């Protein structure tokens, strides 16, 4: 999961094209999610949290590049990284600070 997180962070924003690294990593991320659903993971909680965020951002960017803007905005709102109104600002700042720590270097 750590290695997938590191690799996915580098390509999450790219357009999903058949056969490229991003598509393969996207498939791995969703397969890992499905495989370990409902199980307790023996992994650093911050790694799991970052993995889930990147997995959600993959879907956001897929929808964005496919011009499904409403769906993309809904996914972005669920991540709590970007506030949709002023009352969400403090939560989003906290979440952003949590994910901006160097988790990718702890692998």
PDB file of N, CA and C in Angstrom:
ATOM      1  N   UNK A   1       0.822  -1.182   0.000  1.00  0.00           N
ATOM      2  CA  UNK A   1       0.000   0.000   0.000  1.00  0.00           C
ATOM      3  C   UNK A   1       0.876   1.260   0.000  1.00  0.00           C
ATOM      4  N   UNK A   2       1.979   1.227   0.743  1.00  0.00           N
ATOM      5  CA  UNK A   2       2.867   2.394   0.774  1.00  0.00           C
ATOM      6  C   UNK A   2       3.431   2.695  -0.609  1.00  0.00           C
ATOM      7  N   UNK A   3       3.878   1.671  -1.297  1.00  0.00           N
ATOM      8  CA  UNK A   3       4.476   1.891  -2.615  1.00  0.00           C
ATOM      9  C   UNK A   3       3.435   2.372  -3.622  1.00  0.00           C
ATOM     10  N   UNK A   4       2.252   1.829  -3.541  1.00  0.00           N
ATOM     11  CA  UNK A   4       1.172   2.273  -4.424  1.00  0.00           C
ATOM     12  C   UNK A   4       0.855   3.737  -4.154  1.00  0.00           C
ATOM     13  N   UNK A   5       0.848   4.125  -2.887  1.00  0.00           N
ATOM     14  CA  UNK A   5       0.580   5.512  -2.504  1.00  0.00           C
ATOM     15  C   UNK A   5       1.635   6.450  -3.080  1.00  0.00           C
ATOM     16  N   UNK A   6       2.889   6.066  -2.941  1.00  0.00           N
ATOM     17  CA  UNK A   6       3.978   6.901  -3.461  1.00  0.00           C
ATOM     18  C   UNK A   6       3.863   7.052  -4.979  1.00  0.00           C
ATOM     19  N   UNK A   7       3.640   5.950  -5.666  1.00  0.00           N
ATOM     20  CA  UNK A   7       3.551   6.003  -7.127  1.00  0.00           C
ATOM     21  C   UNK A   7       2.293   6.738  -7.593  1.00  0.00           C
ATOM     22  N   UNK A   8       1.181   6.484  -6.923  1.00  0.00           N
ATOM     23  CA  UNK A   8      -0.079   7.119  -7.307  1.00  0.00           C
ATOM     24  C   UNK A   8      -0.017   8.636  -7.123  1.00  0.00           C
ATOM     25  N   UNK A   9       0.681   9.091  -6.103  1.00  0.00           N
ATOM     26  CA  UNK A   9       0.788  10.533  -5.859  1.00  0.00           C
ATOM     27  C   UNK A   9       1.444  11.259  -7.027  1.00  0.00           C
ATOM     28  N   UNK A  10       2.240  10.559  -7.791  1.00  0.00           N
ATOM     29  CA  UNK A  10       2.957  11.174  -8.908  1.00  0.00           C
ATOM     30  C   UNK A  10       2.134  11.266 -10.186  1.00  0.00           C
ATOM     31  N   UNK A  11       1.070  10.457 -10.287  1.00  0.00           N
ATOM     32  CA  UNK A  11       0.312  10.413 -11.541  1.00  0.00           C
ATOM     33  C   UNK A  11      -1.185  10.668 -11.368  1.00  0.00           C
ATOM     34  N   UNK A  12      -1.615  10.937 -10.148  1.00  0.00           N
ATOM     35  CA  UNK A  12      -3.047  11.046  -9.862  1.00  0.00           C
ATOM     36  C   UNK A  12      -3.740  12.100 -10.719  1.00  0.00           C
ATOM     37  N   UNK A  13      -3.066  13.170 -11.063  1.00  0.00           N
ATOM     38  CA  UNK A  13      -3.656  14.278 -11.799  1.00  0.00           C
ATOM     39  C   UNK A  13      -3.712  14.048 -13.313  1.00  0.00           C
ATOM     40  N   UNK A  14      -3.042  13.051 -13.804  1.00  0.00           N
ATOM     41  CA  UNK A  14      -2.958  12.835 -15.244  1.00  0.00           C
ATOM     42  C   UNK A  14      -4.253  12.255 -15.806  1.00  0.00           C
ATOM     43  N   UNK A  15      -4.404  12.397 -17.101  1.00  0.00           N
ATOM     44  CA  UNK A  15      -5.545  11.804 -17.794  1.00  0.00           C
ATOM     45  C   UNK A  15      -5.379  10.290 -17.814  1.00  0.00           C
ATOM     46  N   UNK A  16      -6.480   9.586 -17.602  1.00  0.00           N
ATOM     47  CA  UNK A  16      -6.449   8.128 -17.595  1.00  0.00           C
ATOM     48  C   UNK A  16      -6.465   7.619 -19.034  1.00  0.00           C
ATOM     49  N   UNK A  17      -5.373   7.020 -19.458  1.00  0.00           N
ATOM     50  CA  UNK A  17      -5.285   6.469 -20.813  1.00  0.00           C
ATOM     51  C   UNK A  17      -4.929   4.996 -20.724  1.00  0.00           C
ATOM     52  N   UNK A  18      -5.547   4.231 -21.572  1.00  0.00           N
ATOM     53  CA  UNK A  18      -5.385   2.780 -21.588  1.00  0.00           C
ATOM     54  C   UNK A  18      -3.918   2.377 -21.696  1.00  0.00           C
ATOM     55  N   UNK A  19      -3.497   1.506 -20.770  1.00  0.00           N
ATOM     56  CA  UNK A  19      -2.167   0.932 -20.814  1.00  0.00           C
ATOM     57  C   UNK A  19      -1.069   1.738 -20.139  1.00  0.00           C
ATOM     58  N   UNK A  20      -1.354   2.972 -19.741  1.00  0.00           N
ATOM     59  CA  UNK A  20      -0.324   3.785 -19.106  1.00  0.00           C
ATOM     60  C   UNK A  20      -0.233   3.480 -17.613  1.00  0.00           C
ATOM     61  N   UNK A  21       0.821   3.971 -16.994  1.00  0.00           N
ATOM     62  CA  UNK A  21       1.076   3.713 -15.580  1.00  0.00           C
ATOM     63  C   UNK A  21      -0.089   4.153 -14.706  1.00  0.00           C
ATOM     64  N   UNK A  22      -0.680   5.293 -15.003  1.00  0.00           N
ATOM     65  CA  UNK A  22      -1.778   5.783 -14.169  1.00  0.00           C
ATOM     66  C   UNK A  22      -2.936   4.793 -14.154  1.00  0.00           C
ATOM     67  N   UNK A  23      -3.287   4.261 -15.300  1.00  0.00           N
ATOM     68  CA  UNK A  23      -4.389   3.294 -15.356  1.00  0.00           C
ATOM     69  C   UNK A  23      -4.054   2.040 -14.545  1.00  0.00           C
ATOM     70  N   UNK A  24      -2.838   1.567 -14.653  1.00  0.00           N
ATOM     71  CA  UNK A  24      -2.441   0.373 -13.910  1.00  0.00           C
ATOM     72  C   UNK A  24      -2.459   0.636 -12.406  1.00  0.00           C
ATOM     73  N   UNK A  25      -1.956   1.796 -11.987  1.00  0.00           N
ATOM     74  CA  UNK A  25      -1.972   2.142 -10.565  1.00  0.00           C
ATOM     75  C   UNK A  25      -3.398   2.354 -10.058  1.00  0.00           C
ATOM     76  N   UNK A  26      -4.245   2.945 -10.899  1.00  0.00           N
ATOM     77  CA  UNK A  26      -5.654   3.125 -10.540  1.00  0.00           C
ATOM     78  C   UNK A  26      -6.294   1.767 -10.281  1.00  0.00           C
ATOM     79  N   UNK A  27      -6.051   0.821 -11.166  1.00  0.00           N
ATOM     80  CA  UNK A  27      -6.615  -0.519 -11.005  1.00  0.00           C
ATOM     81  C   UNK A  27      -6.080  -1.207  -9.749  1.00  0.00           C
ATOM     82  N   UNK A  28      -4.797  -1.049  -9.492  1.00  0.00           N
ATOM     83  CA  UNK A  28      -4.201  -1.632  -8.283  1.00  0.00           C
ATOM     84  C   UNK A  28      -4.843  -1.027  -7.043  1.00  0.00           C
ATOM     85  N   UNK A  29      -5.033   0.291  -7.038  1.00  0.00           N
ATOM     86  CA  UNK A  29      -5.627   0.966  -5.878  1.00  0.00           C
ATOM     87  C   UNK A  29      -7.032   0.451  -5.604  1.00  0.00           C
ATOM     88  N   UNK A  30      -7.832   0.312  -6.639  1.00  0.00           N
ATOM     89  CA  UNK A  30      -9.198  -0.165  -6.437  1.00  0.00           C
ATOM     90  C   UNK A  30      -9.224  -1.650  -6.086  1.00  0.00           C
ATOM     91  N   UNK A  31      -8.288  -2.425  -6.620  1.00  0.00           N
ATOM     92  CA  UNK A  31      -8.190  -3.836  -6.240  1.00  0.00           C
ATOM     93  C   UNK A  31      -7.790  -3.993  -4.777  1.00  0.00           C
ATOM     94  N   UNK A  32      -6.843  -3.170  -4.312  1.00  0.00           N
ATOM     95  CA  UNK A  32      -6.445  -3.209  -2.905  1.00  0.00           C
ATOM     96  C   UNK A  32      -7.618  -2.838  -2.000  1.00  0.00           C
ATOM     97  N   UNK A  33      -8.363  -1.826  -2.402  1.00  0.00           N
ATOM     98  CA  UNK A  33      -9.531  -1.408  -1.621  1.00  0.00           C
ATOM     99  C   UNK A  33     -10.536  -2.542  -1.510  1.00  0.00           C
ATOM    100  N   UNK A  34     -10.798  -3.194  -2.612  1.00  0.00           N
ATOM    101  CA  UNK A  34     -11.755  -4.298  -2.632  1.00  0.00           C
ATOM    102  C   UNK A  34     -11.236  -5.495  -1.831  1.00  0.00           C
ATOM    103  N   UNK A  35      -9.966  -5.805  -1.993  1.00  0.00           N
ATOM    104  CA  UNK A  35      -9.373  -6.967  -1.334  1.00  0.00           C
ATOM    105  C   UNK A  35      -9.390  -6.837   0.186  1.00  0.00           C
ATOM    106  N   UNK A  36      -9.128  -5.640   0.683  1.00  0.00           N
ATOM    107  CA  UNK A  36      -9.003  -5.448   2.126  1.00  0.00           C
ATOM    108  C   UNK A  36     -10.224  -4.785   2.761  1.00  0.00           C
ATOM    109  N   UNK A  37     -11.318  -4.724   2.037  1.00  0.00           N
ATOM    110  CA  UNK A  37     -12.543  -4.130   2.581  1.00  0.00           C
ATOM    111  C   UNK A  37     -12.996  -4.916   3.815  1.00  0.00           C
ATOM    112  N   UNK A  38     -13.259  -4.182   4.872  1.00  0.00           N
ATOM    113  CA  UNK A  38     -13.751  -4.805   6.100  1.00  0.00           C
ATOM    114  C   UNK A  38     -12.685  -5.468   6.948  1.00  0.00           C
ATOM    115  N   UNK A  39     -11.443  -5.392   6.543  1.00  0.00           N
ATOM    116  CA  UNK A  39     -10.358  -6.000   7.312  1.00  0.00           C
ATOM    117  C   UNK A  39      -9.535  -4.917   7.999  1.00  0.00           C
ATOM    118  N   UNK A  40      -8.985  -5.262   9.143  1.00  0.00           N
ATOM    119  CA  UNK A  40      -8.082  -4.345   9.823  1.00  0.00           C
ATOM    120  C   UNK A  40      -6.719  -4.449   9.151  1.00  0.00           C
ATOM    121  N   UNK A  41      -6.187  -3.313   8.761  1.00  0.00           N
ATOM    122  CA  UNK A  41      -4.910  -3.303   8.054  1.00  0.00           C
ATOM    123  C   UNK A  41      -3.758  -3.157   9.033  1.00  0.00           C
ATOM    124  N   UNK A  42      -2.701  -3.894   8.800  1.00  0.00           N
ATOM    125  CA  UNK A  42      -1.485  -3.799   9.593  1.00  0.00           C
ATOM    126  C   UNK A  42      -0.548  -2.816   8.912  1.00  0.00           C
ATOM    127  N   UNK A  43      -0.970  -1.564   8.895  1.00  0.00           N
ATOM    128  CA  UNK A  43      -0.252  -0.532   8.164  1.00  0.00           C
ATOM    129  C   UNK A  43      -0.376   0.767   8.949  1.00  0.00           C
ATOM    130  N   UNK A  44       0.563   1.662   8.736  1.00  0.00           N
ATOM    131  CA  UNK A  44       0.526   2.977   9.370  1.00  0.00           C
ATOM    132  C   UNK A  44      -0.790   3.674   9.015  1.00  0.00           C
ATOM    133  N   UNK A  45      -1.545   4.175  10.013  1.00  0.00           N
ATOM    134  CA  UNK A  45      -2.828   4.827   9.737  1.00  0.00           C
ATOM    135  C   UNK A  45      -2.714   6.013   8.779  1.00  0.00           C
ATOM    136  N   UNK A  46      -1.610   6.747   8.842  1.00  0.00           N
ATOM    137  CA  UNK A  46      -1.432   7.876   7.938  1.00  0.00           C
ATOM    138  C   UNK A  46      -1.257   7.399   6.490  1.00  0.00           C
ATOM    139  N   UNK A  47      -0.602   6.269   6.310  1.00  0.00           N
ATOM    140  CA  UNK A  47      -0.453   5.698   4.965  1.00  0.00           C
ATOM    141  C   UNK A  47      -1.816   5.293   4.420  1.00  0.00           C
ATOM    142  N   UNK A  48      -2.627   4.656   5.256  1.00  0.00           N
ATOM    143  CA  UNK A  48      -3.966   4.238   4.834  1.00  0.00           C
ATOM    144  C   UNK A  48      -4.811   5.459   4.469  1.00  0.00           C
ATOM    145  N   UNK A  49      -4.755   6.486   5.307  1.00  0.00           N
ATOM    146  CA  UNK A  49      -5.518   7.702   5.067  1.00  0.00           C
ATOM    147  C   UNK A  49      -5.094   8.378   3.770  1.00  0.00           C
ATOM    148  N   UNK A  50      -3.803   8.472   3.540  1.00  0.00           N
ATOM    149  CA  UNK A  50      -3.294   9.076   2.311  1.00  0.00           C
ATOM    150  C   UNK A  50      -3.665   8.238   1.097  1.00  0.00           C
ATOM    151  N   UNK A  51      -3.588   6.922   1.234  1.00  0.00           N
ATOM    152  CA  UNK A  51      -3.981   6.022   0.147  1.00  0.00           C
ATOM    153  C   UNK A  51      -5.440   6.254  -0.233  1.00  0.00           C
ATOM    154  N   UNK A  52      -6.311   6.321   0.770  1.00  0.00           N
ATOM    155  CA  UNK A  52      -7.741   6.521   0.489  1.00  0.00           C
ATOM    156  C   UNK A  52      -8.000   7.872  -0.161  1.00  0.00           C
ATOM    157  N   UNK A  53      -7.286   8.897   0.290  1.00  0.00           N
ATOM    158  CA  UNK A  53      -7.434  10.214  -0.321  1.00  0.00           C
ATOM    159  C   UNK A  53      -7.012  10.177  -1.783  1.00  0.00           C
ATOM    160  N   UNK A  54      -5.871   9.584  -2.067  1.00  0.00           N
ATOM    161  CA  UNK A  54      -5.391   9.503  -3.452  1.00  0.00           C
ATOM    162  C   UNK A  54      -6.331   8.677  -4.321  1.00  0.00           C
ATOM    163  N   UNK A  55      -6.870   7.617  -3.762  1.00  0.00           N
ATOM    164  CA  UNK A  55      -7.845   6.806  -4.506  1.00  0.00           C
ATOM    165  C   UNK A  55      -9.066   7.654  -4.867  1.00  0.00           C
ATOM    166  N   UNK A  56      -9.533   8.471  -3.921  1.00  0.00           N
ATOM    167  CA  UNK A  56     -10.667   9.350  -4.204  1.00  0.00           C
ATOM    168  C   UNK A  56     -10.297  10.427  -5.219  1.00  0.00           C
ATOM    169  N   UNK A  57      -9.073  10.930  -5.138  1.00  0.00           N
ATOM    170  CA  UNK A  57      -8.634  11.944  -6.087  1.00  0.00           C
ATOM    171  C   UNK A  57      -8.471  11.375  -7.492  1.00  0.00           C
ATOM    172  N   UNK A  58      -8.144  10.097  -7.593  1.00  0.00           N
ATOM    173  CA  UNK A  58      -8.104   9.451  -8.910  1.00  0.00           C
ATOM    174  C   UNK A  58      -9.487   9.537  -9.555  1.00  0.00           C
ATOM    175  N   UNK A  59     -10.511   9.233  -8.776  1.00  0.00           N
ATOM    176  CA  UNK A  59     -11.881   9.305  -9.295  1.00  0.00           C
ATOM    177  C   UNK A  59     -12.247  10.744  -9.634  1.00  0.00           C
ATOM    178  N   UNK A  60     -11.848  11.686  -8.776  1.00  0.00           N
ATOM    179  CA  UNK A  60     -12.095  13.105  -9.056  1.00  0.00           C
ATOM    180  C   UNK A  60     -11.492  13.494 -10.399  1.00  0.00           C
ATOM    181  N   UNK A  61     -10.223  13.169 -10.613  1.00  0.00           N
ATOM    182  CA  UNK A  61      -9.563  13.552 -11.864  1.00  0.00           C
ATOM    183  C   UNK A  61     -10.127  12.798 -13.064  1.00  0.00           C
ATOM    184  N   UNK A  62     -10.549  11.554 -12.865  1.00  0.00           N
ATOM    185  CA  UNK A  62     -11.215  10.838 -13.963  1.00  0.00           C
ATOM    186  C   UNK A  62     -12.463  11.603 -14.400  1.00  0.00           C
ATOM    187  N   UNK A  63     -13.288  11.972 -13.421  1.00  0.00           N
ATOM    188  CA  UNK A  63     -14.520  12.711 -13.740  1.00  0.00           C
ATOM    189  C   UNK A  63     -14.207  14.087 -14.329  1.00  0.00           C
ATOM    190  N   UNK A  64     -13.215  14.750 -13.778  1.00  0.00           N
ATOM    191  CA  UNK A  64     -12.837  16.068 -14.283  1.00  0.00           C
ATOM    192  C   UNK A  64     -12.402  15.992 -15.747  1.00  0.00           C
ATOM    193  N   UNK A  65     -11.537  15.056 -16.070  1.00  0.00           N
ATOM    194  CA  UNK A  65     -11.048  14.934 -17.446  1.00  0.00           C
ATOM    195  C   UNK A  65     -12.141  14.478 -18.405  1.00  0.00           C
ATOM    196  N   UNK A  66     -13.156  13.791 -17.885  1.00  0.00           N
ATOM    197  CA  UNK A  66     -14.296  13.371 -18.711  1.00  0.00           C
ATOM    198  C   UNK A  66     -15.379  14.445 -18.750  1.00  0.00           C
ATOM    199  N   UNK A  67     -15.089  15.618 -18.175  1.00  0.00           N
ATOM    200  CA  UNK A  67     -15.997  16.765 -18.134  1.00  0.00           C
ATOM    201  C   UNK A  67     -17.282  16.470 -17.349  1.00  0.00           C
ATOM    202  N   UNK A  68     -17.188  15.592 -16.368  1.00  0.00           N
ATOM    203  CA  UNK A  68     -18.303  15.317 -15.450  1.00  0.00           C
ATOM    204  C   UNK A  68     -18.077  16.181 -14.209  1.00  0.00           C
ATOM    205  N   UNK A  69     -18.253  17.483 -14.396  1.00  0.00           N
ATOM    206  CA  UNK A  69     -17.847  18.441 -13.381  1.00  0.00           C
ATOM    207  C   UNK A  69     -18.654  18.347 -12.087  1.00  0.00           C
ATOM    208  N   UNK A  70     -19.949  18.100 -12.184  1.00  0.00           N
ATOM    209  CA  UNK A  70     -20.760  18.002 -10.972  1.00  0.00           C
ATOM    210  C   UNK A  70     -20.309  16.828 -10.110  1.00  0.00           C
ATOM    211  N   UNK A  71     -20.099  15.693 -10.721  1.00  0.00           N
ATOM    212  CA  UNK A  71     -19.614  14.516 -10.000  1.00  0.00           C
ATOM    213  C   UNK A  71     -18.232  14.765  -9.406  1.00  0.00           C
ATOM    214  N   UNK A  72     -17.364  15.427 -10.168  1.00  0.00           N
ATOM    215  CA  UNK A  72     -16.017  15.740  -9.691  1.00  0.00           C
ATOM    216  C   UNK A  72     -16.089  16.654  -8.466  1.00  0.00           C
ATOM    217  N   UNK A  73     -16.963  17.652  -8.503  1.00  0.00           N
ATOM    218  CA  UNK A  73     -17.113  18.559  -7.361  1.00  0.00           C
ATOM    219  C   UNK A  73     -17.644  17.834  -6.129  1.00  0.00           C
ATOM    220  N   UNK A  74     -18.535  16.891  -6.322  1.00  0.00           N
ATOM    221  CA  UNK A  74     -19.065  16.117  -5.194  1.00  0.00           C
ATOM    222  C   UNK A  74     -17.962  15.278  -4.544  1.00  0.00           C
ATOM    223  N   UNK A  75     -17.127  14.679  -5.349  1.00  0.00           N
ATOM    224  CA  UNK A  75     -16.011  13.884  -4.820  1.00  0.00           C
ATOM    225  C   UNK A  75     -15.032  14.787  -4.083  1.00  0.00           C
ATOM    226  N   UNK A  76     -14.734  15.933  -4.664  1.00  0.00           N
ATOM    227  CA  UNK A  76     -13.829  16.876  -4.025  1.00  0.00           C
ATOM    228  C   UNK A  76     -14.383  17.351  -2.683  1.00  0.00           C
ATOM    229  N   UNK A  77     -15.678  17.572  -2.618  1.00  0.00           N
ATOM    230  CA  UNK A  77     -16.316  17.986  -1.359  1.00  0.00           C
ATOM    231  C   UNK A  77     -16.197  16.890  -0.303  1.00  0.00           C
ATOM    232  N   UNK A  78     -16.306  15.645  -0.718  1.00  0.00           N
ATOM    233  CA  UNK A  78     -16.196  14.512   0.219  1.00  0.00           C
ATOM    234  C   UNK A  78     -14.791  14.385   0.802  1.00  0.00           C
ATOM    235  N   UNK A  79     -13.777  14.807   0.059  1.00  0.00           N
ATOM    236  CA  UNK A  79     -12.405  14.697   0.559  1.00  0.00           C
ATOM    237  C   UNK A  79     -12.116  15.708   1.659  1.00  0.00           C
ATOM    238  N   UNK A  80     -12.889  16.768   1.731  1.00  0.00           N
ATOM    239  CA  UNK A  80     -12.710  17.837   2.723  1.00  0.00           C
ATOM    240  C   UNK A  80     -11.350  18.530   2.589  1.00  0.00           C
ATOM    241  N   UNK A  81     -10.813  18.561   1.376  1.00  0.00           N
ATOM    242  CA  UNK A  81      -9.568  19.294   1.130  1.00  0.00           C
ATOM    243  C   UNK A  81      -9.828  20.732   0.718  1.00  0.00           C
ATOM    244  N   UNK A  82     -10.948  20.952   0.043  1.00  0.00           N
ATOM    245  CA  UNK A  82     -11.299  22.278  -0.451  1.00  0.00           C
ATOM    246  C   UNK A  82     -12.667  22.639   0.117  1.00  0.00           C
ATOM    247  N   UNK A  83     -12.764  23.794   0.792  1.00  0.00           N
ATOM    248  CA  UNK A  83     -14.061  24.165   1.382  1.00  0.00           C
ATOM    249  C   UNK A  83     -15.067  24.580   0.319  1.00  0.00           C
ATOM    250  N   UNK A  84     -16.307  24.189   0.514  1.00  0.00           N
ATOM    251  CA  UNK A  84     -17.368  24.633  -0.386  1.00  0.00           C
ATOM    252  C   UNK A  84     -18.098  25.845   0.194  1.00  0.00           C
ATOM    253  N   UNK A  85     -17.855  26.137   1.485  1.00  0.00           N
ATOM    254  CA  UNK A  85     -18.390  27.343   2.118  1.00  0.00           C
ATOM    255  C   UNK A  85     -17.479  27.714   3.288  1.00  0.00           C
ATOM    256  N   UNK A  86     -17.704  28.872   3.865  1.00  0.00           N
ATOM    257  CA  UNK A  86     -16.826  29.384   4.928  1.00  0.00           C
ATOM    258  C   UNK A  86     -16.842  28.525   6.180  1.00  0.00           C
ATOM    259  N   UNK A  87     -17.937  27.848   6.457  1.00  0.00           N
ATOM    260  CA  UNK A  87     -18.008  27.028   7.671  1.00  0.00           C
ATOM    261  C   UNK A  87     -17.104  25.791   7.588  1.00  0.00           C
ATOM    262  N   UNK A  88     -16.708  25.404   6.384  1.00  0.00           N
ATOM    263  CA  UNK A  88     -15.835  24.240   6.197  1.00  0.00           C
ATOM    264  C   UNK A  88     -14.353  24.619   6.151  1.00  0.00           C
ATOM    265  N   UNK A  89     -14.051  25.903   6.190  1.00  0.00           N
ATOM    266  CA  UNK A  89     -12.682  26.362   6.000  1.00  0.00           C
ATOM    267  C   UNK A  89     -11.711  25.786   7.030  1.00  0.00           C
ATOM    268  N   UNK A  90     -12.045  25.852   8.305  1.00  0.00           N
ATOM    269  CA  UNK A  90     -11.128  25.372   9.339  1.00  0.00           C
ATOM    270  C   UNK A  90     -10.869  23.869   9.214  1.00  0.00           C
ATOM    271  N   UNK A  91     -11.903  23.094   8.941  1.00  0.00           N
ATOM    272  CA  UNK A  91     -11.747  21.650   8.758  1.00  0.00           C
ATOM    273  C   UNK A  91     -10.835  21.350   7.573  1.00  0.00           C
ATOM    274  N   UNK A  92     -11.018  22.061   6.490  1.00  0.00           N
ATOM    275  CA  UNK A  92     -10.202  21.836   5.293  1.00  0.00           C
ATOM    276  C   UNK A  92      -8.743  22.217   5.523  1.00  0.00           C
ATOM    277  N   UNK A  93      -8.506  23.294   6.240  1.00  0.00           N
ATOM    278  CA  UNK A  93      -7.130  23.692   6.547  1.00  0.00           C
ATOM    279  C   UNK A  93      -6.468  22.616   7.394  1.00  0.00           C
ATOM    280  N   UNK A  94      -7.197  22.108   8.387  1.00  0.00           N
ATOM    281  CA  UNK A  94      -6.664  21.030   9.233  1.00  0.00           C
ATOM    282  C   UNK A  94      -6.345  19.792   8.394  1.00  0.00           C
ATOM    283  N   UNK A  95      -7.264  19.400   7.527  1.00  0.00           N
ATOM    284  CA  UNK A  95      -7.043  18.225   6.676  1.00  0.00           C
ATOM    285  C   UNK A  95      -5.862  18.426   5.739  1.00  0.00           C
ATOM    286  N   UNK A  96      -5.749  19.609   5.183  1.00  0.00           N
ATOM    287  CA  UNK A  96      -4.648  19.871   4.267  1.00  0.00           C
ATOM    288  C   UNK A  96      -3.306  19.796   4.985  1.00  0.00           C
ATOM    289  N   UNK A  97      -3.235  20.361   6.180  1.00  0.00           N
ATOM    290  CA  UNK A  97      -1.995  20.302   6.954  1.00  0.00           C
ATOM    291  C   UNK A  97      -1.631  18.865   7.294  1.00  0.00           C
ATOM    292  N   UNK A  98      -2.623  18.063   7.585  1.00  0.00           N
ATOM    293  CA  UNK A  98      -2.380  16.657   7.924  1.00  0.00           C
ATOM    294  C   UNK A  98      -1.793  15.910   6.731  1.00  0.00           C
ATOM    295  N   UNK A  99      -2.295  16.190   5.540  1.00  0.00           N
ATOM    296  CA  UNK A  99      -1.807  15.491   4.353  1.00  0.00           C
ATOM    297  C   UNK A  99      -0.568  16.121   3.756  1.00  0.00           C
ATOM    298  N   UNK A 100      -0.225  17.328   4.178  1.00  0.00           N
ATOM    299  CA  UNK A 100       0.956  17.967   3.605  1.00  0.00           C
ATOM    300  C   UNK A 100       2.227  17.574   4.347  1.00  0.00           C
ATOM    301  N   UNK A 101       2.103  16.784   5.406  1.00  0.00           N
ATOM    302  CA  UNK A 101       3.291  16.294   6.085  1.00  0.00           C
ATOM    303  C   UNK A 101       3.997  15.296   5.169  1.00  0.00           C
ATOM    304  N   UNK A 102       5.291  15.116   5.364  1.00  0.00           N
ATOM    305  CA  UNK A 102       6.061  14.256   4.432  1.00  0.00           C
ATOM    306  C   UNK A 102       5.804  12.773   4.624  1.00  0.00           C
ATOM    307  N   UNK A 103       4.578  12.320   4.406  1.00  0.00           N
ATOM    308  CA  UNK A 103       4.258  10.900   4.584  1.00  0.00           C
ATOM    309  C   UNK A 103       4.933  10.041   3.533  1.00  0.00           C
ATOM    310  N   UNK A 104       5.244  10.615   2.388  1.00  0.00           N
ATOM    311  CA  UNK A 104       5.813   9.824   1.320  1.00  0.00           C
ATOM    312  C   UNK A 104       7.269   9.478   1.571  1.00  0.00           C
ATOM    313  N   UNK A 105       7.894  10.143   2.532  1.00  0.00           N
ATOM    314  CA  UNK A 105       9.285   9.868   2.818  1.00  0.00           C
ATOM    315  C   UNK A 105       9.459   8.888   3.959  1.00  0.00           C
ATOM    316  N   UNK A 106       8.362   8.449   4.551  1.00  0.00           N
ATOM    317  CA  UNK A 106       8.410   7.509   5.666  1.00  0.00           C
ATOM    318  C   UNK A 106       8.292   6.060   5.208  1.00  0.00           C
ATOM    319  N   UNK A 107       8.439   5.816   3.939  1.00  0.00           N
ATOM    320  CA  UNK A 107       8.209   4.486   3.376  1.00  0.00           C
ATOM    321  C   UNK A 107       9.450   3.616   3.486  1.00  0.00           C
TER     322      UNK A 107
END
